[in-house]
Amino acid sequence: MLTFNKFIKKYQKTKILDIHELSLNHGIYWLKGANGSGKSTLLKSLAGILHFEGDILLDKLVSIKKHKRDYRRLVNFAEAEPVFPEFLTGKELIDMFAEAKSGTNEQKAFYTQTIGLQPYVDQSLGTYSSGMLKKLSLILAFMGKPKLILLDEPLITVDLTSLEVLYSWIIEKNKSENTSFILASHQSLDGSGIPVNTVLSIQNTLLSLH
């Protein structure tokens, strides 16, 4: 699913991540690491937001460096603490993402209704609480038919009922469309029902599988 090739991420001269060669199969991965270990940096790099040395391949064919548009169409990302333009409404942002990711009206209706955001989609994002913004970011991450969904701290700022909905989304998306996930969280996923294939751990700039 993902192949790292001489991946190095630095901030100025400080090396944050060093993944010389690593391949991840399709599945659901839980990314663990202490605060400041580089979890968010890794996800943002995988999402094509941050520049890094080396390359990453999706399904051994699509390079994040050589096929940027195709890669980004297949990889969706939800930040830990999302920030969106306050003048837009929830519906406008969802419509924009759906168009960019080839999402459907059925998807928009299903995700907004099941996570409880439908009554607020016509309100400007400046009126949204942090929990509502988090729900919105999760909806955007599931738009279209991504090969990989990256969720940074998906368990924070969300109520328990919405967490159960998110767990069901992940399980269904993985089962029906073979979508892979990397969930970066300092919290345990035990009891979620999510069939985590492998735990990824960041220690001293290196990423390892457990």
Foldseek 3Di string as FASTA:
>chain_A
DKWFDQWWDDDPPRTLAGEHTDDDDQAEEEEEEDVSSCQQVVQCVQLLNDDIPGWMDDVNPAICVPNVLVSNLQEFEFAPQDDDPQQAFLQVVLVVLLVSNVFDPVLVVVLCVQLVNVVRRRPGNVPDDSLSVLSSSLSSQPGHLHQEYEYEASPPSYDPSNLLVSLVSQQCSCVPRVRYYYYYHNDDCPPNPGPHDWYWYRDPNYIDTD
